[in-house]
C-alpha atoms as a PDB file:
ATOM      1  CA  MET A   1      39.245  40.261 204.693  1.00  0.00           C
ATOM      2  CA  ALA A   2      36.481  41.922 206.709  1.00  0.00           C
ATOM      3  CA  HIS A   3      39.129  43.825 208.669  1.00  0.00           C
ATOM      4  CA  ALA A   4      40.729  45.081 205.436  1.00  0.00           C
ATOM      5  CA  LEU A   5      37.381  46.081 203.925  1.00  0.00           C
ATOM      6  CA  ALA A   6      35.940  47.792 207.011  1.00  0.00           C
ATOM      7  CA  PRO A   7      37.713  51.162 206.650  1.00  0.00           C
ATOM      8  CA  LEU A   8      36.914  51.296 202.943  1.00  0.00           C
ATOM      9  CA  ALA A   9      33.249  50.514 203.536  1.00  0.00           C
ATOM     10  CA  GLU A  10      33.106  53.055 206.351  1.00  0.00           C
ATOM     11  CA  SER A  11      34.453  55.827 204.146  1.00  0.00           C
ATOM     12  CA  GLY A  12      32.655  54.658 201.013  1.00  0.00           C
ATOM     13  CA  ASP A  13      35.890  55.252 199.105  1.00  0.00           C
ATOM     14  CA  PHE A  14      37.077  52.189 197.216  1.00  0.00           C
ATOM     15  CA  SER A  15      39.372  54.071 194.847  1.00  0.00           C
ATOM     16  CA  ASP A  16      42.465  52.491 196.422  1.00  0.00           C
ATOM     17  CA  LEU A  17      41.134  49.071 195.426  1.00  0.00           C
ATOM     18  CA  GLU A  18      40.478  50.292 191.893  1.00  0.00           C
ATOM     19  CA  THR A  19      44.015  51.623 191.563  1.00  0.00           C
ATOM     20  CA  GLU A  20      45.418  48.452 193.068  1.00  0.00           C
ATOM     21  CA  TYR A  21      43.363  46.305 190.674  1.00  0.00           C
ATOM     22  CA  VAL A  22      44.931  48.057 187.702  1.00  0.00           C
ATOM     23  CA  ARG A  23      48.443  47.685 189.146  1.00  0.00           C
ATOM     24  CA  LEU A  24      48.064  43.999 189.945  1.00  0.00           C
ATOM     25  CA  PHE A  25      46.017  42.699 187.050  1.00  0.00           C
ATOM     26  CA  ILE A  26      46.054  45.120 184.116  1.00  0.00           C
ATOM     27  CA  ALA A  27      49.095  47.391 183.825  1.00  0.00           C
ATOM     28  CA  GLY A  28      51.606  47.545 186.632  1.00  0.00           C
ATOM     29  CA  PRO A  29      54.992  49.248 186.438  1.00  0.00           C
ATOM     30  CA  GLY A  30      57.389  46.708 184.989  1.00  0.00           C
ATOM     31  CA  GLY A  31      54.588  44.363 183.928  1.00  0.00           C
ATOM     32  CA  ILE A  32      51.501  42.720 185.331  1.00  0.00           C
ATOM     33  CA  PRO A  33      52.426  40.916 188.557  1.00  0.00           C
ATOM     34  CA  ALA A  34      49.439  38.558 188.656  1.00  0.00           C
ATOM     35  CA  PRO A  35      47.588  38.135 185.350  1.00  0.00           C
ATOM     36  CA  LEU A  36      44.101  36.705 185.719  1.00  0.00           C
ATOM     37  CA  TYR A  37      44.635  34.101 182.962  1.00  0.00           C
ATOM     38  CA  GLU A  38      45.611  30.459 183.324  1.00  0.00           C
ATOM     39  CA  SER A  39      47.819  30.755 180.215  1.00  0.00           C
ATOM     40  CA  CYS A  40      50.039  33.214 182.067  1.00  0.00           C
ATOM     41  CA  HIS A  41      50.804  30.813 184.917  1.00  0.00           C
ATOM     42  CA  LEU A  42      51.820  27.699 183.018  1.00  0.00           C
ATOM     43  CA  GLY A  43      55.371  26.873 182.017  1.00  0.00           C
ATOM     44  CA  ASN A  44      57.754  29.610 181.018  1.00  0.00           C
ATOM     45  CA  GLU A  45      55.431  31.299 178.540  1.00  0.00           C
ATOM     46  CA  ARG A  46      53.406  34.010 180.229  1.00  0.00           C
ATOM     47  CA  ARG A  47      51.021  34.952 177.478  1.00  0.00           C
ATOM     48  CA  THR A  48      47.302  35.084 176.949  1.00  0.00           C
ATOM     49  CA  MET A  49      45.492  32.800 174.512  1.00  0.00           C
ATOM     50  CA  GLY A  50      47.825  29.891 175.078  1.00  0.00           C
ATOM     51  CA  ARG A  51      46.884  26.215 175.025  1.00  0.00           C
ATOM     52  CA  SER A  52      44.866  26.515 178.234  1.00  0.00           C
ATOM     53  CA  ALA A  53      42.645  29.197 176.677  1.00  0.00           C
ATOM     54  CA  LEU A  54      41.939  26.938 173.715  1.00  0.00           C
ATOM     55  CA  ASP A  55      41.236  24.009 176.042  1.00  0.00           C
ATOM     56  CA  MET A  56      38.847  26.147 178.070  1.00  0.00           C
ATOM     57  CA  ARG A  57      37.085  27.308 174.924  1.00  0.00           C
ATOM     58  CA  ASP A  58      36.576  23.651 173.992  1.00  0.00           C
ATOM     59  CA  ARG A  59      35.280  22.781 177.477  1.00  0.00           C
ATOM     60  CA  LEU A  60      32.740  25.579 177.319  1.00  0.00           C
ATOM     61  CA  ALA A  61      31.595  24.534 173.847  1.00  0.00           C
ATOM     62  CA  ALA A  62      31.255  20.883 174.898  1.00  0.00           C
ATOM     63  CA  ALA A  63      29.072  21.996 177.819  1.00  0.00           C
ATOM     64  CA  GLY A  64      26.911  24.114 175.514  1.00  0.00           C
ATOM     65  CA  LEU A  65      28.175  27.315 177.120  1.00  0.00           C
ATOM     66  CA  SER A  66      29.593  30.423 175.523  1.00  0.00           C
ATOM     67  CA  VAL A  67      31.234  33.647 176.639  1.00  0.00           C
ATOM     68  CA  ALA A  68      29.047  36.646 175.907  1.00  0.00           C
ATOM     69  CA  LEU A  69      31.048  39.573 177.239  1.00  0.00           C
ATOM     70  CA  ASP A  70      31.707  42.901 175.579  1.00  0.00           C
ATOM     71  CA  SER A  71      35.257  42.776 176.949  1.00  0.00           C
ATOM     72  CA  ASN A  72      36.244  39.807 174.760  1.00  0.00           C
ATOM     73  CA  GLU A  73      38.220  38.142 177.570  1.00  0.00           C
ATOM     74  CA  PRO A  74      40.099  34.932 176.759  1.00  0.00           C
ATOM     75  CA  PRO A  75      38.190  31.903 178.088  1.00  0.00           C
ATOM     76  CA  ASP A  76      40.904  30.997 180.604  1.00  0.00           C
ATOM     77  CA  HIS A  77      40.208  34.125 182.706  1.00  0.00           C
ATOM     78  CA  LEU A  78      39.894  33.236 186.377  1.00  0.00           C
ATOM     79  CA  THR A  79      36.281  34.370 186.646  1.00  0.00           C
ATOM     80  CA  LEU A  80      35.228  32.414 183.553  1.00  0.00           C
ATOM     81  CA  GLU A  81      36.861  29.259 184.872  1.00  0.00           C
ATOM     82  CA  LEU A  82      35.130  29.776 188.220  1.00  0.00           C
ATOM     83  CA  GLU A  83      31.806  30.206 186.437  1.00  0.00           C
ATOM     84  CA  TYR A  84      32.386  26.988 184.497  1.00  0.00           C
ATOM     85  CA  LEU A  85      33.263  25.190 187.735  1.00  0.00           C
ATOM     86  CA  TYR A  86      30.058  26.533 189.282  1.00  0.00           C
ATOM     87  CA  HIS A  87      28.088  25.165 186.322  1.00  0.00           C
ATOM     88  CA  LEU A  88      29.651  21.727 186.717  1.00  0.00           C
ATOM     89  CA  CYS A  89      29.045  21.690 190.479  1.00  0.00           C
ATOM     90  CA  ALA A  90      25.467  22.960 190.299  1.00  0.00           C
ATOM     91  CA  GLU A  91      24.434  20.519 187.586  1.00  0.00           C
ATOM     92  CA  GLY A  92      26.468  17.678 189.027  1.00  0.00           C
ATOM     93  CA  TRP A  93      25.301  17.980 192.588  1.00  0.00           C
ATOM     94  CA  ALA A  94      21.686  18.465 191.505  1.00  0.00           C
ATOM     95  CA  SER A  95      21.283  15.635 189.034  1.00  0.00           C
ATOM     96  CA  ASP A  96      24.339  14.425 187.131  1.00  0.00           C
ATOM     97  CA  PRO A  97      27.101  12.621 189.058  1.00  0.00           C
ATOM     98  CA  ALA A  98      29.296  12.576 185.944  1.00  0.00           C
ATOM     99  CA  LEU A  99      29.360  16.387 185.954  1.00  0.00           C
ATOM    100  CA  ALA A 100      30.188  16.357 189.669  1.00  0.00           C
ATOM    101  CA  GLU A 101      33.178  14.146 188.838  1.00  0.00           C
ATOM    102  CA  GLN A 102      34.158  16.560 186.058  1.00  0.00           C
ATOM    103  CA  ALA A 103      33.960  19.419 188.567  1.00  0.00           C
ATOM    104  CA  GLU A 104      36.260  17.599 190.960  1.00  0.00           C
ATOM    105  CA  ALA A 105      38.789  16.872 188.228  1.00  0.00           C
ATOM    106  CA  PHE A 106      38.618  20.402 186.813  1.00  0.00           C
ATOM    107  CA  ALA A 107      39.105  21.981 190.239  1.00  0.00           C
ATOM    108  CA  ALA A 108      41.947  19.682 191.287  1.00  0.00           C
ATOM    109  CA  GLN A 109      43.812  19.115 188.034  1.00  0.00           C
ATOM    110  CA  VAL A 110      43.236  22.301 186.050  1.00  0.00           C
ATOM    111  CA  MET A 111      42.398  25.186 188.328  1.00  0.00           C
ATOM    112  CA  LEU A 112      44.156  24.487 191.601  1.00  0.00           C
ATOM    113  CA  PRO A 113      47.704  24.230 190.199  1.00  0.00           C
ATOM    114  CA  TRP A 114      47.577  27.519 188.322  1.00  0.00           C
ATOM    115  CA  VAL A 115      45.493  29.378 190.899  1.00  0.00           C
ATOM    116  CA  ARG A 116      48.073  28.520 193.547  1.00  0.00           C
ATOM    117  CA  ARG A 117      50.778  29.999 191.293  1.00  0.00           C
ATOM    118  CA  PHE A 118      48.560  33.020 190.665  1.00  0.00           C
ATOM    119  CA  ARG A 119      48.085  33.450 194.437  1.00  0.00           C
ATOM    120  CA  ASP A 120      51.845  33.249 195.022  1.00  0.00           C
ATOM    121  CA  ALA A 121      52.529  35.798 192.261  1.00  0.00           C
ATOM    122  CA  LEU A 122      49.921  38.071 193.781  1.00  0.00           C
ATOM    123  CA  ALA A 123      51.434  37.703 197.262  1.00  0.00           C
ATOM    124  CA  GLY A 124      54.844  38.624 195.863  1.00  0.00           C
ATOM    125  CA  ALA A 125      53.479  41.927 194.557  1.00  0.00           C
ATOM    126  CA  ASP A 126      52.609  43.292 198.016  1.00  0.00           C
ATOM    127  CA  PRO A 127      48.882  43.517 197.243  1.00  0.00           C
ATOM    128  CA  HIS A 128      46.147  45.182 199.213  1.00  0.00           C
ATOM    129  CA  PRO A 129      44.977  42.623 201.811  1.00  0.00           C
ATOM    130  CA  VAL A 130      41.547  42.405 200.165  1.00  0.00           C
ATOM    131  CA  TYR A 131      43.023  40.925 196.994  1.00  0.00           C
ATOM    132  CA  LEU A 132      45.249  38.479 198.823  1.00  0.00           C
ATOM    133  CA  GLY A 133      42.340  37.450 201.029  1.00  0.00           C
ATOM    134  CA  ALA A 134      40.165  36.862 197.973  1.00  0.00           C
ATOM    135  CA  ALA A 135      42.882  34.736 196.363  1.00  0.00           C
ATOM    136  CA  ASP A 136      43.241  32.720 199.563  1.00  0.00           C
ATOM    137  CA  ILE A 137      39.486  32.084 199.564  1.00  0.00           C
ATOM    138  CA  VAL A 138      39.546  30.892 195.948  1.00  0.00           C
ATOM    139  CA  VAL A 139      42.382  28.466 196.720  1.00  0.00           C
ATOM    140  CA  ALA A 140      40.546  27.183 199.799  1.00  0.00           C
ATOM    141  CA  VAL A 141      37.331  26.644 197.825  1.00  0.00           C
ATOM    142  CA  LEU A 142      39.169  24.799 195.047  1.00  0.00           C
ATOM    143  CA  GLU A 143      40.830  22.556 197.634  1.00  0.00           C
ATOM    144  CA  ARG A 144      37.386  21.649 199.015  1.00  0.00           C
ATOM    145  CA  VAL A 145      35.539  20.874 195.759  1.00  0.00           C
ATOM    146  CA  PRO A 146      36.587  17.203 195.759  1.00  0.00           C
ATOM    147  CA  ASP A 147      35.355  16.898 199.365  1.00  0.00           C
ATOM    148  CA  ALA A 148      31.939  18.431 198.702  1.00  0.00           C
END
């Protein structure tokens, strides 16, 4: 990823990444190749606010967490799920082994299956190497959570 970012950092021009972000995740020609929502990578229904979004909303509520974003993203957005996983890991590793176990289960049983599909969909869209590298890192981290 450093190799892919170096020329952009050198020039200070990241507009190619901005354009690519829109194409890959927001509004690409012919559809969005790699939506950032779990709901879009489960079964045959590729739609936001599916069962996984409702499940994630319930997980957040049970943990006493809420989403406070102006963008009104569904709770099964990749970054929100990563933030929830971080919460479980931080609290679990610091003081609550039950939360550490929840983190392991969430990473392995919920996130990893759909994030792998997300990564494959992204790879199939000929993305900028920065985005594919980032997806590879997320998969690698999720694979290691149970070993931490």
